[in-house]
Amino acid sequence: MTRIDEESLVKLTGDLVGRRSENPPGEEAAVADFLAERLEASPVPFAVETYDAVDGRPNVVARAGDSARGTVLLTGHTDVVPADPDEWSGDPYRLRREGDRVVGRGIADMKGALAAKILAAESYLASADAPGEVVLGFVVDEEWGGRGTRALVARGVDADYAVIGEPTDLQVCVAQKGVARYRITVRGRSAHSGRPDAGRNAIEGMSRVLTRLEEFDGRLREETSHRLLDPETGTVTEISGGSAPNVVPDRATVTFDWRFLPGAGETAEPFDERLHDALDTVELDGQPIACEVERIVFARAAELAPDHDLVEATVTAAADVGVDSAPVGFNAATDARFLIHDAGVPTVLFGPGSIERDAHTVDESVRTADVVDCARAYERLLTLLFD
């Protein structure tokens, strides 16, 4: 069924891990250059295109096969979150084996899946009598703002199906949360801390706001549900305030991260209104609190029906290579939202490793066998989709 072997896959994965592509600051160029060279040298005659999605940060797109038979996009991001070498037990950017696992920054999120996509595409295209078109889309900036996939969509994505290699534990993710993120600032009035009543303490005001946000989170958890996802949540993730130890603070700021479900809304304004309403009557000492709410991120939720053809084919492909897989949810936002909403391309997530246990961790790792199974499932999926 397949010519994918573990040694070649681990070697390619190691080559990708060894090219640092941390975001921030956004240094994907080295891994993009490697991918372009690797695909141009492939025994499969890929047409390879490289272009800047953001200045100096290139997407790499390669295609081969007959588009008249349909097109499948295998895509994923080349950026990884930063790694502190002092915290790791070895060099984060040198792939190593530990028992039945491979360790390295980005191995789960998602350089193992990128390598799996390349070998799966090559194996399928080389062995099929009349292969359909496979597009490999390797994009920048997923960890920060999704500008790589947005650029991919803006240039035109004409695909029947797409698979993103997020770490799903080889389950077929069909639903993902959206996020509305806000910077909330309470204004006060500074004074010498020896005469605190002459000022208006912004941190005390923020404490009232935090209580209201906690109540808001509680309502979200109680009032929302989804068959595959956790309820909606609202979480304070950052806090700052004060200018000196002897000054009544005139400013305090928090970041509030609202994770919402598919169907909750497609535009940001209703979320803005609900949060403003929740904070509208907060008071300190009987006086309204001057509270500023600024939205800094909005990413739509997305989902695909569990009985969609792509979902059923991916589950079958996994089963055919010995992986027990089923439709699941993903309690985070991914680039799938751009493909589903803006390009109209049915999209699933499927990749090795766990978003909860492996991605972004110190000594990030995945089971070696899972990377191999992932590649073989991708190849089998291509065969099923083009039959």
Protein backbone atom coordinates (compact mmCIF):
# COMPACT_ATOMS: atom_id res chain seq x y z
CA MET A 1 0.00 0.00 0.00
CA THR A 2 2.81 2.43 0.84
CA ARG A 3 6.48 3.13 0.32
CA ILE A 4 6.76 5.44 3.30
CA ASP A 5 9.43 4.26 5.71
CA GLU A 6 10.30 5.42 9.21
CA GLU A 7 13.94 6.25 8.55
CA SER A 8 13.18 8.64 5.68
CA LEU A 9 10.36 10.29 7.58
CA VAL A 10 12.40 10.85 10.74
CA LYS A 11 15.30 12.22 8.66
CA LEU A 12 13.03 14.73 6.91
CA THR A 13 11.39 15.70 10.18
CA GLY A 14 14.81 16.29 11.71
CA ASP A 15 15.79 18.50 8.77
CA LEU A 16 12.70 20.62 9.40
CA VAL A 17 13.17 20.81 13.18
CA GLY A 18 16.79 21.82 12.63
CA ARG A 19 15.72 24.96 10.76
CA ARG A 20 14.65 27.46 13.44
CA SER A 21 11.39 29.17 12.60
CA GLU A 22 10.32 30.86 15.82
CA ASN A 23 7.32 33.16 15.87
CA PRO A 24 7.69 35.68 17.35
CA PRO A 25 9.75 37.17 15.84
CA GLY A 26 8.75 35.40 12.61
CA GLU A 27 11.84 33.75 11.16
CA GLU A 28 10.37 31.08 8.91
CA ALA A 29 12.64 31.85 5.93
CA ALA A 30 15.22 29.13 6.63
CA VAL A 31 12.66 26.34 6.78
CA ALA A 32 10.82 27.75 3.75
CA ASP A 33 14.05 27.79 1.73
CA PHE A 34 14.71 24.18 2.71
CA LEU A 35 11.17 23.12 1.76
CA ALA A 36 11.39 24.82 -1.64
CA GLU A 37 14.75 23.17 -2.39
CA ARG A 38 13.53 19.79 -1.19
CA LEU A 39 10.40 19.91 -3.33
CA GLU A 40 12.21 21.20 -6.42
CA ALA A 41 14.61 18.24 -6.09
CA SER A 42 11.78 15.72 -5.59
CA PRO A 43 11.46 12.81 -8.03
CA VAL A 44 7.87 14.01 -8.38
CA PRO A 45 7.70 16.99 -10.80
CA PHE A 46 6.21 19.55 -8.43
CA ALA A 47 5.56 23.07 -9.63
CA VAL A 48 6.97 25.06 -6.70
CA GLU A 49 6.07 28.66 -5.89
CA THR A 50 7.52 30.77 -3.09
CA TYR A 51 6.15 34.20 -2.19
CA ASP A 52 6.18 36.50 0.82
CA ALA A 53 2.98 36.32 2.84
CA VAL A 54 4.52 38.93 5.14
CA ASP A 55 7.72 40.84 4.33
CA GLY A 56 10.58 38.36 4.42
CA ARG A 57 8.33 35.52 5.54
CA PRO A 58 7.61 33.19 2.63
CA ASN A 59 4.85 30.71 1.96
CA VAL A 60 5.83 27.68 -0.11
CA VAL A 61 3.22 26.09 -2.41
CA ALA A 62 3.91 23.00 -4.53
CA ARG A 63 1.51 21.18 -6.81
CA ALA A 64 1.52 18.07 -8.96
CA GLY A 65 -1.08 15.79 -10.54
CA ASP A 66 -4.14 16.34 -12.71
CA SER A 67 -6.51 19.02 -11.40
CA ALA A 68 -9.22 17.72 -13.74
CA ARG A 69 -9.55 14.80 -11.33
CA GLY A 70 -9.92 17.13 -8.35
CA THR A 71 -7.58 18.88 -5.93
CA VAL A 72 -6.64 18.13 -2.33
CA LEU A 73 -4.71 20.69 -0.28
CA LEU A 74 -2.36 19.30 2.37
CA THR A 75 -1.36 22.31 4.40
CA GLY A 76 0.32 23.34 7.61
CA HIS A 77 2.35 26.09 9.23
CA THR A 78 6.12 26.38 9.28
CA ASP A 79 6.37 28.65 12.36
CA VAL A 80 6.86 27.35 15.89
CA VAL A 81 6.64 28.96 19.30
CA PRO A 82 9.99 29.99 20.83
CA ALA A 83 12.01 27.54 22.93
CA ASP A 84 14.30 28.41 25.85
CA PRO A 85 17.32 26.06 25.58
CA ASP A 86 18.00 26.45 29.31
CA GLU A 87 14.70 24.75 30.09
CA TRP A 88 15.14 21.84 27.68
CA SER A 89 17.09 18.68 28.45
CA GLY A 90 18.82 19.00 25.06
CA ASP A 91 19.07 21.30 22.04
CA PRO A 92 15.46 22.12 21.04
CA TYR A 93 16.52 22.36 17.40
CA ARG A 94 18.27 19.04 17.10
CA LEU A 95 15.87 16.14 16.73
CA ARG A 96 16.63 13.24 19.05
CA ARG A 97 15.04 9.92 19.88
CA GLU A 98 14.01 9.01 23.41
CA GLY A 99 12.59 5.51 23.54
CA ASP A 100 9.61 5.33 21.24
CA ARG A 101 9.40 9.12 20.84
CA VAL A 102 11.13 11.85 18.86
CA VAL A 103 11.86 15.16 20.60
CA GLY A 104 12.33 18.66 19.19
CA ARG A 105 10.66 22.05 18.99
CA GLY A 106 7.76 21.89 16.58
CA ILE A 107 7.74 18.10 16.25
CA ALA A 108 4.06 18.07 17.28
CA ASP A 109 3.09 21.56 16.14
CA MET A 110 3.66 20.75 13.36
CA LYS A 111 6.87 19.77 11.59
CA GLY A 112 6.22 16.05 11.98
CA ALA A 113 2.99 16.52 10.03
CA LEU A 114 4.73 18.64 7.37
CA ALA A 115 7.23 15.86 6.73
CA ALA A 116 4.38 13.33 6.66
CA LYS A 117 2.55 15.39 4.03
CA ILE A 118 5.57 15.57 1.75
CA LEU A 119 6.31 11.84 1.79
CA ALA A 120 2.61 10.96 1.54
CA ALA A 121 2.15 13.21 -1.48
CA GLU A 122 5.27 11.88 -3.18
CA SER A 123 4.30 8.26 -2.56
CA TYR A 124 0.75 8.77 -3.83
CA LEU A 125 1.75 10.79 -6.91
CA ALA A 126 4.50 8.34 -7.86
CA SER A 127 2.34 5.24 -7.53
CA ALA A 128 -1.09 6.32 -8.83
CA ASP A 129 -1.86 5.56 -12.47
CA ALA A 130 -3.85 8.78 -12.93
CA PRO A 131 -3.25 10.93 -9.87
CA GLY A 132 -5.43 13.84 -8.94
CA GLU A 133 -3.82 17.15 -8.04
CA VAL A 134 -2.13 17.41 -4.66
CA VAL A 135 -1.22 20.87 -3.41
CA LEU A 136 1.25 21.22 -0.56
CA GLY A 137 0.75 24.56 1.15
CA PHE A 138 3.30 25.46 3.81
CA VAL A 139 2.44 28.79 5.42
CA VAL A 140 3.86 31.28 7.93
CA ASP A 141 2.46 33.02 10.99
CA GLU A 142 -0.17 30.59 12.26
CA GLU A 143 1.06 30.98 15.84
CA TRP A 144 0.49 34.73 15.80
CA GLY A 145 -2.17 35.90 13.35
CA GLY A 146 -2.70 33.48 10.47
CA ARG A 147 -1.35 35.83 7.83
CA GLY A 148 0.20 32.96 5.88
CA THR A 149 -3.08 31.16 5.27
CA ARG A 150 -4.85 34.46 4.70
CA ALA A 151 -2.34 35.18 1.93
CA LEU A 152 -2.83 31.66 0.54
CA VAL A 153 -6.59 32.24 0.38
CA ALA A 154 -6.21 35.75 -1.07
CA ARG A 155 -4.14 34.36 -3.95
CA GLY A 156 -6.90 31.84 -4.69
CA VAL A 157 -7.39 28.36 -3.27
CA ASP A 158 -9.22 26.10 -5.71
CA ALA A 159 -9.38 22.83 -3.76
CA ASP A 160 -12.09 20.29 -3.13
CA TYR A 161 -10.76 19.35 0.31
CA ALA A 162 -8.05 20.42 2.73
CA VAL A 163 -6.24 18.74 5.62
CA ILE A 164 -4.24 20.72 8.20
CA GLY A 165 -1.66 18.82 10.25
CA GLU A 166 -2.48 20.19 13.70
CA PRO A 167 -1.70 17.77 16.56
CA THR A 168 -4.99 15.91 17.03
CA ASP A 169 -3.65 12.58 18.33
CA LEU A 170 -4.56 11.14 14.92
CA GLN A 171 -8.22 11.94 15.52
CA VAL A 172 -10.23 13.78 12.86
CA CYS A 173 -10.98 17.25 14.16
CA VAL A 174 -14.15 18.70 12.64
CA ALA A 175 -14.96 21.55 15.05
CA GLN A 176 -12.86 24.30 16.57
CA LYS A 177 -13.50 27.22 18.87
CA GLY A 178 -13.15 30.86 17.97
CA VAL A 179 -11.56 33.53 20.10
CA ALA A 180 -12.42 37.12 20.93
CA ARG A 181 -9.58 38.69 22.91
CA TYR A 182 -9.75 42.05 24.65
CA ARG A 183 -7.53 44.50 26.46
CA ILE A 184 -9.50 45.99 29.36
CA THR A 185 -8.16 49.10 31.08
CA VAL A 186 -9.43 50.73 34.27
CA ARG A 187 -8.54 54.40 34.74
CA GLY A 188 -8.08 55.94 38.16
CA ARG A 189 -6.36 58.98 39.64
CA SER A 190 -2.84 58.93 41.04
CA ALA A 191 -1.89 60.24 44.47
CA HIS A 192 0.81 59.72 47.09
CA SER A 193 0.24 56.41 48.84
CA GLY A 194 0.49 58.25 52.16
CA ARG A 195 -2.82 59.94 51.26
CA PRO A 196 -4.62 57.25 49.26
CA ASP A 197 -8.02 58.89 49.63
CA ALA A 198 -6.79 61.76 47.48
CA GLY A 199 -6.56 59.39 44.54
CA ARG A 200 -8.71 56.75 42.90
CA ASN A 201 -7.08 53.33 42.93
CA ALA A 202 -7.26 51.71 39.49
CA ILE A 203 -6.18 48.33 40.87
CA GLU A 204 -9.08 48.33 43.34
CA GLY A 205 -11.35 49.22 40.44
CA MET A 206 -9.90 46.39 38.40
CA SER A 207 -10.64 43.98 41.25
CA ARG A 208 -14.35 44.77 40.77
CA VAL A 209 -13.98 44.23 37.03
CA LEU A 210 -12.29 40.87 37.63
CA THR A 211 -15.22 39.79 39.79
CA ARG A 212 -17.60 40.70 36.98
CA LEU A 213 -15.47 38.83 34.43
CA GLU A 214 -15.50 35.76 36.67
CA GLU A 215 -19.29 35.92 36.78
CA PHE A 216 -19.37 36.31 32.98
CA ASP A 217 -17.18 33.21 32.59
CA GLY A 218 -19.54 31.28 34.84
CA ARG A 219 -22.54 32.18 32.68
CA LEU A 220 -20.70 31.15 29.52
CA ARG A 221 -19.89 27.75 30.98
CA GLU A 222 -23.47 27.20 32.17
CA GLU A 223 -25.30 28.44 29.09
CA THR A 224 -23.27 26.98 26.20
CA SER A 225 -22.66 23.46 24.94
CA HIS A 226 -21.49 21.56 21.87
CA ARG A 227 -21.44 17.87 21.05
CA LEU A 228 -17.65 17.85 20.50
CA LEU A 229 -16.29 20.93 22.25
CA ASP A 230 -16.05 22.18 25.82
CA PRO A 231 -18.41 25.04 26.79
CA GLU A 232 -17.40 28.62 26.11
CA THR A 233 -14.98 30.21 28.56
CA GLY A 234 -13.67 33.65 29.44
CA THR A 235 -10.21 33.77 30.98
CA VAL A 236 -8.04 36.59 32.29
CA THR A 237 -4.61 35.78 30.89
CA GLU A 238 -2.51 38.89 31.62
CA ILE A 239 -2.56 41.69 34.20
CA SER A 240 -0.53 44.83 34.83
CA GLY A 241 -0.89 47.99 36.88
CA GLY A 242 0.84 50.55 39.05
CA SER A 243 3.86 52.75 38.43
CA ALA A 244 5.71 52.85 41.75
CA PRO A 245 5.43 51.37 45.25
CA ASN A 246 4.46 54.72 46.80
CA VAL A 247 1.93 55.89 44.20
CA VAL A 248 -1.80 55.16 44.08
CA PRO A 249 -2.16 53.57 40.64
CA ASP A 250 -4.08 55.46 38.00
CA ARG A 251 -4.15 52.60 35.50
CA ALA A 252 -4.62 48.81 35.51
CA THR A 253 -4.95 46.53 32.50
CA VAL A 254 -5.93 42.90 31.88
CA THR A 255 -6.22 40.70 28.83
CA PHE A 256 -9.48 38.76 28.59
CA ASP A 257 -9.60 35.69 26.34
CA TRP A 258 -13.09 34.54 25.28
CA ARG A 259 -13.24 31.15 23.55
CA PHE A 260 -16.56 30.68 21.82
CA LEU A 261 -18.39 27.92 19.97
CA PRO A 262 -19.40 27.54 16.33
CA GLY A 263 -22.68 29.29 15.75
CA ALA A 264 -22.06 31.94 18.42
CA GLY A 265 -21.43 34.61 15.79
CA GLU A 266 -19.49 35.31 12.62
CA THR A 267 -18.59 38.95 13.32
CA ALA A 268 -16.99 40.61 16.32
CA GLU A 269 -19.59 43.25 17.12
CA PRO A 270 -22.07 41.05 19.03
CA PHE A 271 -19.24 39.83 21.27
CA ASP A 272 -18.14 43.41 21.88
CA GLU A 273 -21.66 44.38 22.89
CA ARG A 274 -22.08 41.46 25.29
CA LEU A 275 -18.81 42.22 27.05
CA HIS A 276 -19.58 45.94 27.27
CA ASP A 277 -22.98 45.12 28.76
CA ALA A 278 -21.37 42.82 31.34
CA LEU A 279 -19.06 45.60 32.50
CA ASP A 280 -21.46 48.52 32.12
CA THR A 281 -22.54 48.83 35.76
CA VAL A 282 -19.29 48.06 37.61
CA GLU A 283 -18.73 50.51 40.48
CA LEU A 284 -16.11 51.43 43.07
CA ASP A 285 -17.29 53.21 46.24
CA GLY A 286 -20.65 53.84 44.64
CA GLN A 287 -19.17 55.51 41.54
CA PRO A 288 -19.00 54.03 38.02
CA ILE A 289 -15.58 52.71 37.04
CA ALA A 290 -13.96 54.27 34.00
CA CYS A 291 -13.37 51.10 31.99
CA GLU A 292 -12.02 50.93 28.43
CA VAL A 293 -12.51 47.78 26.36
CA GLU A 294 -10.41 47.26 23.24
CA ARG A 295 -10.76 44.16 21.05
CA ILE A 296 -7.32 42.98 19.92
CA VAL A 297 -8.13 39.61 18.31
CA PHE A 298 -11.15 38.06 16.66
CA ALA A 299 -10.95 34.61 15.09
CA ARG A 300 -14.07 32.81 13.94
CA ALA A 301 -15.08 29.37 15.10
CA ALA A 302 -15.47 26.73 12.40
CA GLU A 303 -16.87 23.25 11.95
CA LEU A 304 -17.64 20.56 9.41
CA ALA A 305 -20.48 18.06 9.75
CA PRO A 306 -19.22 14.76 11.21
CA ASP A 307 -20.86 12.89 8.30
CA HIS A 308 -19.18 15.03 5.62
CA ASP A 309 -17.46 13.03 2.87
CA LEU A 310 -14.04 14.35 3.89
CA VAL A 311 -14.54 13.36 7.51
CA GLU A 312 -15.71 9.85 6.65
CA ALA A 313 -12.83 9.38 4.19
CA THR A 314 -10.25 10.52 6.77
CA VAL A 315 -11.65 8.16 9.42
CA THR A 316 -11.56 5.32 6.88
CA ALA A 317 -8.00 6.17 5.80
CA ALA A 318 -6.84 6.10 9.41
CA ALA A 319 -8.55 2.75 9.99
CA ASP A 320 -6.95 1.33 6.85
CA VAL A 321 -3.48 1.95 8.33
CA GLY A 322 -4.43 0.60 11.76
CA VAL A 323 -5.42 3.82 13.55
CA ASP A 324 -8.68 3.99 15.50
CA SER A 325 -9.94 7.49 14.72
CA ALA A 326 -13.19 9.40 15.11
CA PRO A 327 -14.54 12.96 14.73
CA VAL A 328 -13.47 15.21 17.62
CA GLY A 329 -13.39 18.87 18.59
CA PHE A 330 -10.41 21.21 19.02
CA ASN A 331 -10.70 23.73 21.83
CA ALA A 332 -8.50 26.29 20.09
CA ALA A 333 -8.49 28.41 16.94
CA THR A 334 -6.58 27.33 13.80
CA ASP A 335 -6.11 28.37 10.19
CA ALA A 336 -9.02 26.14 9.20
CA ARG A 337 -11.30 29.13 9.74
CA PHE A 338 -9.87 30.91 6.70
CA LEU A 339 -10.20 27.88 4.44
CA ILE A 340 -13.74 27.04 5.57
CA HIS A 341 -15.20 30.55 5.76
CA ASP A 342 -13.22 32.56 3.20
CA ALA A 343 -12.25 29.96 0.59
CA GLY A 344 -15.22 27.62 1.01
CA VAL A 345 -12.93 24.58 1.24
CA PRO A 346 -14.08 21.72 3.52
CA THR A 347 -11.23 21.25 5.98
CA VAL A 348 -10.29 18.85 8.76
CA LEU A 349 -7.40 18.75 11.20
CA PHE A 350 -5.40 15.53 11.44
CA GLY A 351 -1.90 15.10 12.79
CA PRO A 352 0.38 13.32 15.27
CA GLY A 353 0.81 14.46 18.87
CA SER A 354 -1.57 16.14 21.27
CA ILE A 355 -2.43 19.84 21.43
CA GLU A 356 -2.91 19.48 25.20
CA ARG A 357 0.10 17.32 26.13
CA ASP A 358 2.73 17.92 23.46
CA ALA A 359 2.40 21.21 21.56
CA HIS A 360 4.34 24.21 22.90
CA THR A 361 5.84 22.21 25.78
CA VAL A 362 9.41 21.92 27.03
CA ASP A 363 10.92 18.78 25.44
CA GLU A 364 8.06 18.68 22.91
CA SER A 365 7.73 15.16 21.56
CA VAL A 366 5.52 12.67 19.72
CA ARG A 367 5.52 8.92 19.26
CA THR A 368 7.63 8.00 16.26
CA ALA A 369 5.04 5.46 15.19
CA ASP A 370 2.36 8.16 15.17
CA VAL A 371 4.29 10.26 12.65
CA VAL A 372 4.64 7.20 10.42
CA ASP A 373 0.96 6.29 10.80
CA CYS A 374 0.03 9.89 9.99
CA ALA A 375 1.99 9.85 6.74
CA ARG A 376 0.46 6.54 5.72
CA ALA A 377 -3.02 7.80 6.57
CA TYR A 378 -2.46 10.91 4.43
CA GLU A 379 -1.41 8.75 1.50
CA ARG A 380 -4.39 6.45 1.91
CA LEU A 381 -6.71 9.46 2.16
CA LEU A 382 -5.45 10.81 -1.16
CA THR A 383 -6.22 7.47 -2.79
CA LEU A 384 -9.73 7.41 -1.32
CA LEU A 385 -10.55 11.00 -2.25
CA PHE A 386 -9.46 10.56 -5.87
CA ASP A 387 -11.13 7.17 -6.43
